[in-house]
Amino acid sequence: MADEDLEAPAPKPKAKPTSRKGVVSQLWRAAKRQLDTHEEHLADLPKGAAASEADAKALATLARTVRELVAIEEPQGGRRERQTDELSPADGLRHVAQLRQDLARRLEALAAEEEGQISPDHPADGVA
């Protein structure tokens, strides 16, 4: 046998470790893609059709993901490093998630009203 046959394969180069900030950025991008996909799906529903329980669960999972990502990004001690007038991506997604939750609650109330479960004069959002 030749010496080349006995040599061990060359070790693979080690991958550069991903920074915490890089991982969080990737997670934000993934959450945004999921949110966009979910929004497109809801937009494609027939007019007047209510979202399914699976849609509600997916939205709840996305909201929880956004909440966790916001918590990861918050500086220790509860202080922000800089003040700006613009919404951060986290604040923007949190605002969108809150709007979607409100919309889902109102749609469920409208669907219930349509099925005769509640009276039409009962406010859909719980506010008189």
Protein backbone atom coordinates (compact mmCIF):
# COMPACT_ATOMS: atom_id res chain seq x y z
CA MET A 1 0.00 0.00 0.00
CA ALA A 2 1.08 3.52 -0.70
CA ASP A 3 1.47 6.08 2.07
CA GLU A 4 -1.29 8.19 0.51
CA ASP A 5 -3.82 5.44 1.13
CA LEU A 6 -3.10 5.37 4.88
CA GLU A 7 -3.45 9.10 5.47
CA ALA A 8 -6.52 10.33 7.28
CA PRO A 9 -8.79 12.69 5.38
CA ALA A 10 -8.01 16.36 5.88
CA PRO A 11 -10.03 17.89 8.72
CA LYS A 12 -12.90 20.10 7.67
CA PRO A 13 -12.35 23.79 8.33
CA LYS A 14 -14.30 24.93 11.36
CA ALA A 15 -17.29 27.11 10.62
CA LYS A 16 -17.05 30.64 11.89
CA PRO A 17 -19.14 30.86 15.06
CA THR A 18 -22.31 32.82 14.57
CA SER A 19 -22.72 35.80 16.84
CA ARG A 20 -25.74 36.17 19.09
CA LYS A 21 -26.76 39.26 17.14
CA GLY A 22 -26.52 37.31 13.89
CA VAL A 23 -28.72 34.51 15.21
CA VAL A 24 -31.32 36.98 16.50
CA SER A 25 -31.29 38.76 13.12
CA GLN A 26 -31.90 35.46 11.35
CA LEU A 27 -34.77 34.69 13.71
CA TRP A 28 -36.33 38.11 13.04
CA ARG A 29 -36.11 37.54 9.29
CA ALA A 30 -37.72 34.10 9.67
CA ALA A 31 -40.51 35.54 11.83
CA LYS A 32 -41.13 38.30 9.29
CA ARG A 33 -41.32 35.76 6.45
CA GLN A 34 -43.79 33.65 8.45
CA LEU A 35 -45.87 36.71 9.27
CA ASP A 36 -45.97 37.77 5.61
CA THR A 37 -46.96 34.25 4.55
CA HIS A 38 -49.72 34.12 7.16
CA GLU A 39 -50.98 37.55 6.13
CA GLU A 40 -51.12 36.48 2.46
CA HIS A 41 -53.02 33.34 3.46
CA LEU A 42 -55.59 35.37 5.40
CA ALA A 43 -55.94 37.81 2.51
CA ASP A 44 -56.70 34.88 0.17
CA LEU A 45 -59.64 33.67 2.28
CA PRO A 46 -63.03 34.18 0.64
CA LYS A 47 -64.79 37.36 1.68
CA GLY A 48 -66.78 36.78 4.84
CA ALA A 49 -64.99 33.53 5.69
CA ALA A 50 -63.62 33.25 9.21
CA ALA A 51 -60.07 32.17 9.88
CA SER A 52 -59.64 28.59 11.04
CA GLU A 53 -58.45 27.43 14.43
CA ALA A 54 -55.13 26.50 12.79
CA ASP A 55 -54.79 30.10 11.58
CA ALA A 56 -55.45 31.38 15.08
CA LYS A 57 -52.86 29.00 16.54
CA ALA A 58 -50.30 30.03 13.92
CA LEU A 59 -50.89 33.68 14.71
CA ALA A 60 -50.58 33.00 18.45
CA THR A 61 -47.29 31.21 17.86
CA LEU A 62 -45.99 34.10 15.79
CA ALA A 63 -47.02 36.58 18.47
CA ARG A 64 -45.23 34.51 21.11
CA THR A 65 -42.13 34.32 18.89
CA VAL A 66 -42.10 38.08 18.43
CA ARG A 67 -42.54 38.61 22.17
CA GLU A 68 -39.59 36.31 22.89
CA LEU A 69 -37.40 38.03 20.29
CA VAL A 70 -38.25 41.42 21.78
CA ALA A 71 -37.26 40.09 25.21
CA ILE A 72 -33.95 38.80 23.82
CA GLU A 73 -33.17 42.16 22.24
CA GLU A 74 -34.05 44.27 25.30
CA PRO A 75 -30.90 45.55 26.97
CA GLN A 76 -30.23 44.29 30.49
CA GLY A 77 -31.64 46.55 33.18
CA GLY A 78 -34.65 47.56 31.06
CA ARG A 79 -32.91 50.63 29.57
CA ARG A 80 -32.72 51.39 25.90
CA GLU A 81 -29.35 52.33 24.53
CA ARG A 82 -30.67 55.06 22.27
CA GLN A 83 -33.86 56.97 21.81
CA THR A 84 -35.37 57.39 18.35
CA ASP A 85 -38.70 58.52 16.97
CA GLU A 86 -38.82 55.55 14.60
CA LEU A 87 -40.19 52.17 15.60
CA SER A 88 -37.60 49.44 15.85
CA PRO A 89 -38.34 46.27 13.89
CA ALA A 90 -39.34 44.62 17.17
CA ASP A 91 -41.74 47.44 18.06
CA GLY A 92 -43.20 47.40 14.57
CA LEU A 93 -43.83 43.65 14.64
CA ARG A 94 -45.26 43.91 18.17
CA HIS A 95 -47.65 46.63 16.96
CA VAL A 96 -48.65 44.52 13.95
CA ALA A 97 -49.20 41.50 16.19
CA GLN A 98 -51.45 43.53 18.51
CA LEU A 99 -53.44 44.82 15.53
CA ARG A 100 -53.85 41.30 14.20
CA GLN A 101 -55.04 40.01 17.57
CA ASP A 102 -57.61 42.79 17.72
CA LEU A 103 -58.71 42.04 14.17
CA ALA A 104 -58.99 38.30 14.90
CA ARG A 105 -61.09 39.02 18.01
CA ARG A 106 -63.42 41.28 16.02
CA LEU A 107 -63.71 38.77 13.17
CA GLU A 108 -64.62 36.02 15.63
CA ALA A 109 -67.27 38.28 17.17
CA LEU A 110 -68.69 39.08 13.73
CA ALA A 111 -68.77 35.39 12.82
CA ALA A 112 -70.50 34.58 16.11
CA GLU A 113 -73.00 37.37 15.48
CA GLU A 114 -73.67 36.04 12.01
CA GLU A 115 -74.35 32.59 13.45
CA GLY A 116 -76.77 34.16 15.94
CA GLN A 117 -74.70 33.46 19.02
CA ILE A 118 -74.68 37.07 20.21
CA SER A 119 -76.97 40.00 19.56
CA PRO A 120 -75.95 42.64 16.98
CA ASP A 121 -76.14 45.42 19.55
CA HIS A 122 -73.45 43.68 21.68
CA PRO A 123 -70.11 45.34 20.79
CA ALA A 124 -67.71 43.04 18.94
CA ASP A 125 -64.61 44.38 20.65
CA GLY A 126 -65.96 44.61 24.17
CA VAL A 127 -66.03 48.42 24.08
CA ALA A 128 -69.36 50.24 24.28
